[in-house]
N, C-alpha and C. Protein backbone atom coordinates (compact mmCIF):
# COMPACT_ATOMS: atom_id res chain seq x y z
N MET A 1 0.85 -1.19 0.00
CA MET A 1 0.00 0.00 0.00
C MET A 1 0.88 1.24 0.00
N PRO A 2 0.68 2.17 -0.94
CA PRO A 2 1.54 3.35 -1.00
C PRO A 2 1.38 4.22 0.24
N ARG A 3 2.49 4.87 0.61
CA ARG A 3 2.47 5.75 1.78
C ARG A 3 1.69 7.02 1.48
N PRO A 4 0.94 7.54 2.45
CA PRO A 4 0.22 8.79 2.24
C PRO A 4 1.18 9.91 1.87
N ARG A 5 0.77 10.74 0.93
CA ARG A 5 1.62 11.84 0.48
C ARG A 5 0.99 13.18 0.79
N CYS A 6 1.84 14.15 1.02
CA CYS A 6 1.37 15.52 1.21
C CYS A 6 0.82 16.02 -0.12
N PRO A 7 -0.40 16.53 -0.17
CA PRO A 7 -0.96 17.00 -1.44
C PRO A 7 -0.28 18.25 -1.98
N ARG A 8 0.49 18.93 -1.15
CA ARG A 8 1.14 20.18 -1.58
C ARG A 8 2.55 19.92 -2.13
N CYS A 9 3.42 19.36 -1.32
CA CYS A 9 4.80 19.14 -1.77
C CYS A 9 4.99 17.77 -2.43
N CYS A 10 3.96 16.90 -2.31
CA CYS A 10 3.97 15.57 -2.93
C CYS A 10 5.01 14.62 -2.34
N ARG A 11 5.55 14.98 -1.20
CA ARG A 11 6.46 14.08 -0.49
C ARG A 11 5.64 13.18 0.44
N PRO A 12 6.18 12.00 0.83
CA PRO A 12 5.49 11.20 1.84
C PRO A 12 5.20 12.06 3.07
N GLN A 13 4.05 11.84 3.69
CA GLN A 13 3.63 12.68 4.81
C GLN A 13 4.71 12.75 5.89
N VAL A 14 5.38 11.64 6.14
CA VAL A 14 6.40 11.63 7.21
C VAL A 14 7.64 12.43 6.82
N HIS A 15 7.77 12.77 5.54
CA HIS A 15 8.92 13.57 5.08
C HIS A 15 8.45 14.87 4.42
N CYS A 16 7.30 15.37 4.84
CA CYS A 16 6.76 16.60 4.26
C CYS A 16 7.74 17.75 4.42
N LEU A 17 7.90 18.54 3.35
CA LEU A 17 8.84 19.66 3.35
C LEU A 17 8.16 21.02 3.50
N CYS A 18 6.84 21.02 3.63
CA CYS A 18 6.10 22.29 3.58
C CYS A 18 6.54 23.31 4.63
N ALA A 19 6.92 22.82 5.81
CA ALA A 19 7.34 23.75 6.87
C ALA A 19 8.60 24.52 6.49
N LEU A 20 9.38 23.98 5.56
CA LEU A 20 10.63 24.62 5.15
C LEU A 20 10.48 25.49 3.89
N ILE A 21 9.34 25.37 3.22
CA ILE A 21 9.15 26.10 1.96
C ILE A 21 8.71 27.53 2.26
N PRO A 22 9.48 28.53 1.81
CA PRO A 22 9.11 29.93 2.06
C PRO A 22 8.02 30.37 1.08
N HIS A 23 7.62 31.61 1.19
CA HIS A 23 6.67 32.20 0.22
C HIS A 23 7.21 33.58 -0.12
N LEU A 24 8.14 33.60 -1.07
CA LEU A 24 8.91 34.82 -1.35
C LEU A 24 8.31 35.62 -2.50
N PRO A 25 8.17 36.93 -2.32
CA PRO A 25 7.73 37.77 -3.43
C PRO A 25 8.89 38.05 -4.38
N SER A 26 8.58 38.33 -5.63
CA SER A 26 9.62 38.73 -6.59
C SER A 26 8.98 39.60 -7.66
N ARG A 27 9.73 40.56 -8.15
CA ARG A 27 9.26 41.37 -9.28
C ARG A 27 9.28 40.52 -10.55
N THR A 28 10.28 39.67 -10.66
CA THR A 28 10.40 38.75 -11.79
C THR A 28 9.33 37.66 -11.66
N ARG A 29 8.66 37.36 -12.75
CA ARG A 29 7.73 36.24 -12.76
C ARG A 29 8.45 35.03 -13.34
N VAL A 30 8.27 33.88 -12.71
CA VAL A 30 8.94 32.66 -13.13
C VAL A 30 7.90 31.67 -13.65
N LEU A 31 8.09 31.21 -14.88
CA LEU A 31 7.23 30.20 -15.49
C LEU A 31 8.09 28.97 -15.75
N ILE A 32 7.81 27.89 -15.04
CA ILE A 32 8.57 26.65 -15.20
C ILE A 32 7.76 25.70 -16.06
N LEU A 33 8.36 25.24 -17.14
CA LEU A 33 7.73 24.29 -18.05
C LEU A 33 8.40 22.93 -17.83
N GLN A 34 7.67 22.04 -17.18
CA GLN A 34 8.24 20.76 -16.76
C GLN A 34 7.88 19.64 -17.72
N HIS A 35 8.89 18.92 -18.17
CA HIS A 35 8.64 17.74 -18.99
C HIS A 35 7.94 16.70 -18.14
N PRO A 36 6.95 15.98 -18.68
CA PRO A 36 6.20 15.01 -17.88
C PRO A 36 7.05 13.95 -17.19
N SER A 37 8.20 13.63 -17.75
CA SER A 37 9.06 12.60 -17.15
C SER A 37 9.63 13.02 -15.80
N GLU A 38 9.56 14.32 -15.48
CA GLU A 38 10.11 14.81 -14.22
C GLU A 38 9.10 14.84 -13.08
N VAL A 39 7.82 14.68 -13.39
CA VAL A 39 6.77 14.90 -12.38
C VAL A 39 6.94 13.99 -11.17
N ASP A 40 7.21 12.71 -11.41
CA ASP A 40 7.29 11.74 -10.31
C ASP A 40 8.72 11.49 -9.84
N HIS A 41 9.65 12.33 -10.28
CA HIS A 41 11.04 12.18 -9.85
C HIS A 41 11.13 12.46 -8.36
N ALA A 42 11.90 11.64 -7.65
CA ALA A 42 12.03 11.80 -6.20
C ALA A 42 12.58 13.17 -5.82
N LEU A 43 13.44 13.72 -6.66
CA LEU A 43 14.03 15.03 -6.38
C LEU A 43 13.46 16.05 -7.37
N ASN A 44 12.18 16.33 -7.22
CA ASN A 44 11.48 17.25 -8.12
C ASN A 44 11.67 18.68 -7.62
N THR A 45 12.79 19.30 -8.00
CA THR A 45 13.11 20.63 -7.46
C THR A 45 12.28 21.74 -8.09
N ALA A 46 11.74 21.50 -9.29
CA ALA A 46 10.92 22.52 -9.93
C ALA A 46 9.67 22.81 -9.11
N ARG A 47 9.09 21.77 -8.53
CA ARG A 47 7.90 21.96 -7.71
C ARG A 47 8.23 22.81 -6.48
N LEU A 48 9.40 22.58 -5.88
CA LEU A 48 9.81 23.37 -4.72
C LEU A 48 9.96 24.84 -5.10
N ALA A 49 10.49 25.10 -6.28
CA ALA A 49 10.65 26.49 -6.73
C ALA A 49 9.29 27.16 -6.91
N ALA A 50 8.36 26.44 -7.54
CA ALA A 50 7.04 27.01 -7.79
C ALA A 50 6.28 27.26 -6.49
N LEU A 51 6.43 26.36 -5.52
CA LEU A 51 5.75 26.53 -4.24
C LEU A 51 6.35 27.66 -3.41
N GLY A 52 7.65 27.87 -3.54
CA GLY A 52 8.33 28.85 -2.71
C GLY A 52 8.29 30.28 -3.21
N LEU A 53 7.82 30.49 -4.44
CA LEU A 53 7.77 31.83 -5.02
C LEU A 53 6.32 32.25 -5.24
N ALA A 54 5.99 33.43 -4.73
CA ALA A 54 4.61 33.92 -4.89
C ALA A 54 4.30 34.21 -6.35
N ASN A 55 5.31 34.62 -7.11
CA ASN A 55 5.10 35.03 -8.50
C ASN A 55 5.66 33.98 -9.45
N ALA A 56 5.24 32.74 -9.26
CA ALA A 56 5.75 31.64 -10.08
C ALA A 56 4.63 30.69 -10.42
N GLU A 57 4.83 29.97 -11.52
CA GLU A 57 3.83 29.01 -11.98
C GLU A 57 4.54 27.82 -12.60
N LEU A 58 4.01 26.63 -12.36
CA LEU A 58 4.56 25.39 -12.91
C LEU A 58 3.54 24.77 -13.85
N ARG A 59 3.96 24.53 -15.09
CA ARG A 59 3.11 23.86 -16.08
C ARG A 59 3.82 22.60 -16.54
N VAL A 60 3.04 21.53 -16.74
CA VAL A 60 3.61 20.24 -17.13
C VAL A 60 3.11 19.86 -18.52
N GLY A 61 4.03 19.42 -19.37
CA GLY A 61 3.64 18.97 -20.70
C GLY A 61 4.83 18.94 -21.64
N GLU A 62 4.59 18.49 -22.86
CA GLU A 62 5.62 18.53 -23.92
C GLU A 62 5.30 19.62 -24.92
N THR A 63 4.03 19.78 -25.23
CA THR A 63 3.58 20.81 -26.16
C THR A 63 2.59 21.70 -25.44
N PHE A 64 2.83 23.01 -25.51
CA PHE A 64 1.99 23.97 -24.80
C PHE A 64 1.31 24.88 -25.82
N ASP A 65 0.06 24.56 -26.14
CA ASP A 65 -0.66 25.33 -27.15
C ASP A 65 -0.93 26.76 -26.72
N ASP A 66 -1.05 26.98 -25.41
CA ASP A 66 -1.35 28.32 -24.90
C ASP A 66 -0.10 29.14 -24.61
N LEU A 67 1.07 28.62 -24.98
CA LEU A 67 2.31 29.29 -24.63
C LEU A 67 2.38 30.74 -25.11
N PRO A 68 2.00 31.07 -26.35
CA PRO A 68 2.06 32.48 -26.77
C PRO A 68 1.25 33.40 -25.85
N THR A 69 0.12 32.93 -25.35
CA THR A 69 -0.69 33.73 -24.43
C THR A 69 0.02 33.90 -23.10
N TRP A 70 0.63 32.84 -22.60
CA TRP A 70 1.35 32.93 -21.33
C TRP A 70 2.53 33.89 -21.43
N LEU A 71 3.16 33.92 -22.59
CA LEU A 71 4.36 34.75 -22.76
C LEU A 71 4.03 36.23 -22.95
N ALA A 72 2.79 36.51 -23.29
CA ALA A 72 2.40 37.90 -23.60
C ALA A 72 1.73 38.58 -22.40
N GLN A 73 2.19 38.30 -21.20
CA GLN A 73 1.60 38.90 -20.01
C GLN A 73 1.96 40.38 -19.94
N PRO A 74 0.98 41.24 -19.75
CA PRO A 74 1.24 42.69 -19.68
C PRO A 74 2.22 43.02 -18.56
N GLY A 75 3.15 43.90 -18.86
CA GLY A 75 4.11 44.33 -17.86
C GLY A 75 5.35 43.48 -17.75
N TYR A 76 5.43 42.42 -18.58
CA TYR A 76 6.58 41.53 -18.52
C TYR A 76 7.18 41.33 -19.91
N ARG A 77 8.49 41.11 -19.93
CA ARG A 77 9.17 40.74 -21.17
C ARG A 77 9.78 39.36 -20.96
N ALA A 78 9.41 38.42 -21.79
CA ALA A 78 9.80 37.03 -21.59
C ALA A 78 11.23 36.77 -22.04
N HIS A 79 11.96 36.02 -21.21
CA HIS A 79 13.30 35.53 -21.52
C HIS A 79 13.36 34.05 -21.18
N LEU A 80 14.13 33.30 -21.93
CA LEU A 80 14.31 31.88 -21.71
C LEU A 80 15.63 31.64 -20.98
N LEU A 81 15.57 30.98 -19.82
CA LEU A 81 16.79 30.64 -19.10
C LEU A 81 17.32 29.32 -19.66
N PHE A 82 18.23 29.45 -20.61
CA PHE A 82 18.77 28.27 -21.29
C PHE A 82 20.03 28.70 -22.04
N PRO A 83 21.09 27.90 -21.97
CA PRO A 83 22.33 28.29 -22.65
C PRO A 83 22.19 28.29 -24.16
N GLY A 84 23.03 29.06 -24.80
CA GLY A 84 23.05 29.13 -26.26
C GLY A 84 24.07 30.16 -26.69
N ASP A 85 24.47 30.09 -27.96
CA ASP A 85 25.50 31.00 -28.45
C ASP A 85 25.09 32.46 -28.33
N ASP A 86 23.78 32.73 -28.42
CA ASP A 86 23.32 34.11 -28.36
C ASP A 86 22.75 34.48 -27.00
N ALA A 87 22.95 33.64 -25.99
CA ALA A 87 22.40 33.91 -24.66
C ALA A 87 23.20 35.00 -23.96
N GLN A 88 22.50 35.93 -23.30
CA GLN A 88 23.14 36.97 -22.53
C GLN A 88 23.33 36.49 -21.10
N VAL A 89 24.50 36.77 -20.55
CA VAL A 89 24.79 36.36 -19.17
C VAL A 89 24.07 37.28 -18.21
N LEU A 90 23.32 36.70 -17.30
CA LEU A 90 22.61 37.50 -16.29
C LEU A 90 23.62 38.19 -15.37
N PRO A 91 23.29 39.43 -14.88
CA PRO A 91 22.00 40.12 -15.02
C PRO A 91 21.96 41.13 -16.16
N ALA A 92 22.85 41.01 -17.15
CA ALA A 92 23.01 42.04 -18.17
C ALA A 92 21.75 42.30 -18.99
N ALA A 93 20.92 41.26 -19.17
CA ALA A 93 19.79 41.41 -20.08
C ALA A 93 18.73 42.38 -19.56
N GLY A 94 18.49 42.41 -18.25
CA GLY A 94 17.47 43.29 -17.70
C GLY A 94 16.08 42.89 -18.15
N GLY A 95 15.09 43.69 -17.82
CA GLY A 95 13.72 43.35 -18.14
C GLY A 95 13.26 43.84 -19.48
N GLY A 96 13.84 44.90 -19.96
CA GLY A 96 13.39 45.44 -21.24
C GLY A 96 13.06 46.91 -21.09
N ASP A 97 11.88 47.33 -21.53
CA ASP A 97 11.49 48.72 -21.45
C ASP A 97 11.33 49.15 -20.00
N GLU A 98 11.39 50.47 -19.79
CA GLU A 98 11.25 51.01 -18.45
C GLU A 98 9.92 50.55 -17.84
N GLY A 99 9.97 50.08 -16.61
CA GLY A 99 8.77 49.62 -15.93
C GLY A 99 8.39 48.20 -16.26
N GLU A 100 9.11 47.55 -17.15
CA GLU A 100 8.80 46.19 -17.58
C GLU A 100 9.65 45.20 -16.80
N ALA A 101 9.01 44.26 -16.15
CA ALA A 101 9.74 43.23 -15.41
C ALA A 101 10.03 42.04 -16.32
N MET A 102 10.84 41.13 -15.83
CA MET A 102 11.20 39.95 -16.62
C MET A 102 10.27 38.79 -16.31
N LEU A 103 9.81 38.11 -17.35
CA LEU A 103 9.17 36.81 -17.23
C LEU A 103 10.25 35.79 -17.56
N LEU A 104 10.71 35.08 -16.56
CA LEU A 104 11.79 34.12 -16.73
C LEU A 104 11.19 32.74 -16.97
N VAL A 105 11.38 32.22 -18.18
CA VAL A 105 10.83 30.93 -18.56
C VAL A 105 11.92 29.88 -18.39
N VAL A 106 11.62 28.84 -17.62
CA VAL A 106 12.63 27.86 -17.25
C VAL A 106 12.17 26.46 -17.64
N PRO A 107 12.80 25.83 -18.64
CA PRO A 107 12.46 24.43 -18.96
C PRO A 107 13.03 23.50 -17.90
N ASP A 108 12.25 22.49 -17.51
CA ASP A 108 12.68 21.56 -16.47
C ASP A 108 12.68 20.14 -17.02
N GLY A 109 13.86 19.54 -16.99
CA GLY A 109 14.02 18.18 -17.48
C GLY A 109 15.49 17.92 -17.72
N THR A 110 15.84 16.72 -18.15
CA THR A 110 17.22 16.46 -18.56
C THR A 110 17.54 17.39 -19.73
N TRP A 111 18.82 17.51 -20.05
CA TRP A 111 19.18 18.38 -21.18
C TRP A 111 18.48 17.93 -22.45
N ARG A 112 18.38 16.62 -22.64
CA ARG A 112 17.72 16.10 -23.85
C ARG A 112 16.24 16.45 -23.85
N LYS A 113 15.58 16.29 -22.71
CA LYS A 113 14.15 16.60 -22.62
C LYS A 113 13.91 18.11 -22.72
N ALA A 114 14.80 18.90 -22.14
CA ALA A 114 14.64 20.34 -22.23
C ALA A 114 14.77 20.81 -23.68
N ARG A 115 15.72 20.25 -24.40
CA ARG A 115 15.85 20.60 -25.82
C ARG A 115 14.63 20.17 -26.61
N LYS A 116 14.02 19.05 -26.21
CA LYS A 116 12.80 18.61 -26.89
C LYS A 116 11.67 19.60 -26.65
N LEU A 117 11.59 20.18 -25.44
CA LEU A 117 10.58 21.19 -25.16
C LEU A 117 10.75 22.38 -26.10
N LEU A 118 11.98 22.78 -26.35
CA LEU A 118 12.23 23.89 -27.28
C LEU A 118 11.84 23.50 -28.69
N HIS A 119 12.15 22.25 -29.07
CA HIS A 119 11.84 21.79 -30.43
C HIS A 119 10.33 21.72 -30.65
N CYS A 120 9.60 21.30 -29.62
CA CYS A 120 8.15 21.13 -29.76
C CYS A 120 7.37 22.43 -29.61
N ASN A 121 8.04 23.47 -29.14
CA ASN A 121 7.35 24.75 -28.88
C ASN A 121 8.14 25.89 -29.50
N PRO A 122 7.90 26.19 -30.78
CA PRO A 122 8.67 27.22 -31.48
C PRO A 122 8.65 28.57 -30.77
N ALA A 123 7.54 28.91 -30.10
CA ALA A 123 7.47 30.19 -29.39
C ALA A 123 8.48 30.24 -28.26
N LEU A 124 8.77 29.09 -27.69
CA LEU A 124 9.76 29.00 -26.62
C LEU A 124 11.17 29.17 -27.18
N ALA A 125 11.45 28.48 -28.27
CA ALA A 125 12.77 28.55 -28.88
C ALA A 125 13.08 29.94 -29.42
N ALA A 126 12.05 30.73 -29.73
CA ALA A 126 12.25 32.05 -30.31
C ALA A 126 12.52 33.14 -29.27
N LEU A 127 12.41 32.82 -27.99
CA LEU A 127 12.59 33.83 -26.95
C LEU A 127 14.05 34.28 -26.85
N LEU A 128 14.25 35.51 -26.37
CA LEU A 128 15.58 35.96 -26.00
C LEU A 128 16.11 35.06 -24.90
N ARG A 129 17.36 34.64 -25.03
CA ARG A 129 17.92 33.71 -24.06
C ARG A 129 18.83 34.41 -23.07
N VAL A 130 18.75 33.96 -21.82
CA VAL A 130 19.68 34.40 -20.79
C VAL A 130 20.29 33.16 -20.16
N THR A 131 21.46 33.32 -19.58
CA THR A 131 22.15 32.19 -18.98
C THR A 131 22.92 32.65 -17.77
N LEU A 132 23.38 31.70 -16.98
CA LEU A 132 24.18 32.00 -15.80
C LEU A 132 25.65 31.95 -16.17
N ALA A 133 26.44 32.71 -15.45
CA ALA A 133 27.88 32.70 -15.70
C ALA A 133 28.44 31.32 -15.37
N PRO A 134 29.49 30.91 -16.07
CA PRO A 134 30.09 29.60 -15.78
C PRO A 134 30.76 29.60 -14.41
N GLY A 135 30.99 28.40 -13.90
CA GLY A 135 31.73 28.27 -12.65
C GLY A 135 30.89 28.04 -11.41
N LEU A 136 29.54 28.01 -11.56
CA LEU A 136 28.70 27.75 -10.40
C LEU A 136 28.75 26.27 -10.03
N THR A 137 28.63 25.99 -8.75
CA THR A 137 28.72 24.60 -8.26
C THR A 137 27.39 24.16 -7.69
N SER A 138 26.92 23.02 -8.11
CA SER A 138 25.65 22.50 -7.64
C SER A 138 25.79 21.87 -6.26
N ARG A 139 24.73 21.99 -5.46
CA ARG A 139 24.65 21.30 -4.17
C ARG A 139 23.98 19.93 -4.33
N TYR A 140 23.68 19.58 -5.55
CA TYR A 140 22.96 18.35 -5.88
C TYR A 140 23.92 17.18 -5.74
N ARG A 141 24.15 16.70 -4.52
CA ARG A 141 25.23 15.76 -4.24
C ARG A 141 24.90 14.33 -4.62
N LEU A 142 23.67 14.08 -5.07
CA LEU A 142 23.26 12.71 -5.35
C LEU A 142 23.30 12.34 -6.82
N ARG A 143 23.59 13.30 -7.67
CA ARG A 143 23.60 13.00 -9.10
C ARG A 143 24.76 13.73 -9.74
N LYS A 144 25.56 13.00 -10.48
CA LYS A 144 26.71 13.61 -11.15
C LYS A 144 26.22 14.54 -12.24
N ALA A 145 26.72 15.78 -12.23
CA ALA A 145 26.31 16.76 -13.23
C ALA A 145 26.77 16.32 -14.61
N PRO A 146 25.93 16.51 -15.64
CA PRO A 146 26.32 16.10 -16.99
C PRO A 146 27.45 16.93 -17.56
N GLU A 147 27.65 18.14 -17.01
CA GLU A 147 28.73 19.00 -17.45
C GLU A 147 29.03 20.00 -16.34
N PRO A 148 30.25 20.58 -16.32
CA PRO A 148 30.59 21.52 -15.26
C PRO A 148 29.60 22.69 -15.23
N GLY A 149 29.22 23.09 -14.01
CA GLY A 149 28.32 24.23 -13.87
C GLY A 149 26.86 23.90 -13.98
N ALA A 150 26.51 22.63 -14.23
CA ALA A 150 25.10 22.25 -14.35
C ALA A 150 24.44 22.29 -12.98
N LEU A 151 23.27 22.91 -12.92
CA LEU A 151 22.54 23.06 -11.67
C LEU A 151 21.18 22.39 -11.77
N SER A 152 20.60 22.08 -10.62
CA SER A 152 19.20 21.65 -10.61
C SER A 152 18.34 22.84 -10.99
N THR A 153 17.09 22.59 -11.35
CA THR A 153 16.19 23.68 -11.74
C THR A 153 16.02 24.68 -10.61
N LEU A 154 15.84 24.21 -9.38
CA LEU A 154 15.69 25.12 -8.25
C LEU A 154 16.93 25.98 -8.06
N GLU A 155 18.11 25.38 -8.13
CA GLU A 155 19.35 26.13 -7.96
C GLU A 155 19.50 27.18 -9.06
N ALA A 156 19.14 26.83 -10.28
CA ALA A 156 19.24 27.78 -11.38
C ALA A 156 18.29 28.96 -11.18
N VAL A 157 17.08 28.69 -10.72
CA VAL A 157 16.12 29.77 -10.46
C VAL A 157 16.63 30.68 -9.36
N VAL A 158 17.15 30.12 -8.28
CA VAL A 158 17.68 30.92 -7.18
C VAL A 158 18.85 31.78 -7.65
N ALA A 159 19.78 31.18 -8.38
CA ALA A 159 20.93 31.93 -8.87
C ALA A 159 20.51 33.07 -9.79
N ALA A 160 19.55 32.79 -10.66
CA ALA A 160 19.07 33.82 -11.60
C ALA A 160 18.39 34.97 -10.86
N LEU A 161 17.50 34.64 -9.93
CA LEU A 161 16.79 35.70 -9.21
C LEU A 161 17.74 36.50 -8.32
N ASN A 162 18.74 35.86 -7.74
CA ASN A 162 19.71 36.59 -6.93
C ASN A 162 20.45 37.64 -7.76
N LEU A 163 20.66 37.35 -9.04
CA LEU A 163 21.32 38.29 -9.94
C LEU A 163 20.36 39.36 -10.43
N ILE A 164 19.18 38.95 -10.86
CA ILE A 164 18.23 39.89 -11.45
C ILE A 164 17.72 40.88 -10.41
N GLU A 165 17.53 40.41 -9.18
CA GLU A 165 16.88 41.25 -8.17
C GLU A 165 17.81 41.65 -7.02
N ALA A 166 19.14 41.54 -7.23
CA ALA A 166 20.09 41.96 -6.20
C ALA A 166 19.77 43.40 -5.76
N PRO A 167 19.91 43.70 -4.47
CA PRO A 167 20.51 42.91 -3.39
C PRO A 167 19.55 41.93 -2.70
N ALA A 168 18.33 41.79 -3.17
CA ALA A 168 17.42 40.79 -2.60
C ALA A 168 18.03 39.39 -2.78
N THR A 169 17.75 38.50 -1.86
CA THR A 169 18.28 37.14 -1.95
C THR A 169 17.14 36.13 -1.85
N PHE A 170 17.29 35.06 -2.59
CA PHE A 170 16.28 34.01 -2.64
C PHE A 170 16.84 32.68 -2.14
N ASP A 171 17.91 32.75 -1.35
CA ASP A 171 18.56 31.54 -0.85
C ASP A 171 17.66 30.72 0.06
N ALA A 172 16.63 31.35 0.65
CA ALA A 172 15.71 30.59 1.52
C ALA A 172 15.01 29.47 0.76
N LEU A 173 14.93 29.59 -0.57
CA LEU A 173 14.32 28.53 -1.37
C LEU A 173 15.12 27.23 -1.31
N LEU A 174 16.39 27.33 -0.91
CA LEU A 174 17.24 26.15 -0.90
C LEU A 174 17.08 25.31 0.35
N ALA A 175 16.38 25.82 1.38
CA ALA A 175 16.23 25.07 2.63
C ALA A 175 15.52 23.73 2.42
N PRO A 176 14.37 23.69 1.75
CA PRO A 176 13.73 22.38 1.52
C PRO A 176 14.55 21.48 0.59
N PHE A 177 15.28 22.08 -0.32
CA PHE A 177 16.15 21.32 -1.22
C PHE A 177 17.23 20.59 -0.44
N GLU A 178 17.86 21.32 0.50
CA GLU A 178 18.90 20.70 1.33
C GLU A 178 18.31 19.58 2.19
N ALA A 179 17.11 19.81 2.74
CA ALA A 179 16.46 18.78 3.55
C ALA A 179 16.13 17.55 2.71
N LEU A 180 15.72 17.79 1.46
CA LEU A 180 15.41 16.69 0.55
C LEU A 180 16.65 15.85 0.28
N ILE A 181 17.77 16.51 0.02
CA ILE A 181 19.03 15.81 -0.23
C ILE A 181 19.45 15.02 1.00
N GLU A 182 19.40 15.67 2.17
CA GLU A 182 19.81 14.99 3.40
C GLU A 182 18.92 13.77 3.68
N GLY A 183 17.62 13.90 3.38
CA GLY A 183 16.71 12.78 3.57
C GLY A 183 17.05 11.61 2.68
N GLN A 184 17.43 11.90 1.44
CA GLN A 184 17.80 10.84 0.50
C GLN A 184 19.09 10.16 0.95
N ILE A 185 20.04 10.95 1.46
CA ILE A 185 21.29 10.38 1.95
C ILE A 185 21.03 9.48 3.15
N ALA A 186 20.16 9.93 4.07
CA ALA A 186 19.83 9.13 5.25
C ALA A 186 19.16 7.83 4.85
N ALA A 187 18.31 7.89 3.82
CA ALA A 187 17.59 6.69 3.38
C ALA A 187 18.52 5.65 2.78
N MET A 188 19.53 6.10 2.06
CA MET A 188 20.45 5.16 1.43
C MET A 188 21.53 4.68 2.39
N GLY A 189 21.76 5.45 3.47
CA GLY A 189 22.81 5.10 4.42
C GLY A 189 24.09 5.85 4.11
N GLU A 190 24.75 6.30 5.15
CA GLU A 190 25.96 7.12 4.99
C GLU A 190 27.06 6.37 4.25
N ASP A 191 27.22 5.08 4.54
CA ASP A 191 28.29 4.31 3.89
C ASP A 191 28.05 4.21 2.39
N THR A 192 26.80 3.94 2.00
CA THR A 192 26.48 3.85 0.56
C THR A 192 26.69 5.19 -0.11
N TYR A 193 26.29 6.28 0.56
CA TYR A 193 26.49 7.61 -0.02
C TYR A 193 27.98 7.90 -0.22
N ARG A 194 28.77 7.65 0.79
CA ARG A 194 30.20 7.92 0.68
C ARG A 194 30.84 7.09 -0.43
N ARG A 195 30.42 5.85 -0.53
CA ARG A 195 31.02 4.94 -1.52
C ARG A 195 30.65 5.32 -2.95
N ASN A 196 29.40 5.74 -3.16
CA ASN A 196 28.91 5.96 -4.52
C ASN A 196 28.84 7.40 -4.99
N HIS A 197 28.85 8.36 -4.04
CA HIS A 197 28.60 9.73 -4.46
C HIS A 197 29.68 10.73 -4.07
N GLN A 198 30.46 10.43 -3.06
CA GLN A 198 31.49 11.38 -2.68
C GLN A 198 32.73 11.20 -3.54
N ARG A 199 33.53 12.26 -3.60
CA ARG A 199 34.74 12.23 -4.42
C ARG A 199 35.61 11.06 -3.97
N GLY A 200 36.08 10.32 -4.95
CA GLY A 200 36.91 9.17 -4.63
C GLY A 200 36.14 7.88 -4.58
N GLY A 201 34.80 7.97 -4.58
CA GLY A 201 33.97 6.77 -4.56
C GLY A 201 33.84 6.19 -5.95
N SER A 202 32.97 5.20 -6.06
CA SER A 202 32.75 4.57 -7.35
C SER A 202 32.02 5.50 -8.27
N PRO A 203 32.23 5.44 -9.57
CA PRO A 203 31.49 6.28 -10.51
C PRO A 203 30.02 5.95 -10.50
N ASP A 204 29.18 6.94 -10.81
CA ASP A 204 27.73 6.73 -10.87
C ASP A 204 27.38 5.83 -12.06
């Protein structure tokens, strides 16, 4: 029989993270487009980002027919948080016209799935792109990054908002993320974690 789950954070009731999830305001609006394959992932950081930000929304799918309408929100200029040759390093891009805030669109999935979201949604691929500066280190200690500087979706959102809205900080969003990681480490056992995930252990 499956364990009861929290209807909000979707974690097992005994490991509910809701008490750690903040409710932070932001001038920037965040729209997370999650590939369906990520919904039931044990470390669903996109959901934590959407729950922790007052001005955020999470949509799940591969093809979003209403995407042009979502991107045309009055008072916002949409940017895609995704690397590319023409991507501007944050925070240089800014929001756009005076008084216009940024709508930060964030694809959530593996790199392959995220690229598929762009392929399936031309309006998404056509957006101005912004990216994070190289050299950032992920706290995601349970999964080897596919390339240097790769972050979880939550970490990328926090890093982006810290740059766009400085001196405001959004680090409080990382509290449930850290608890989630620690819970996974406790479940697997410290010896298994050290052997398989820490530097010097066996490759993933």
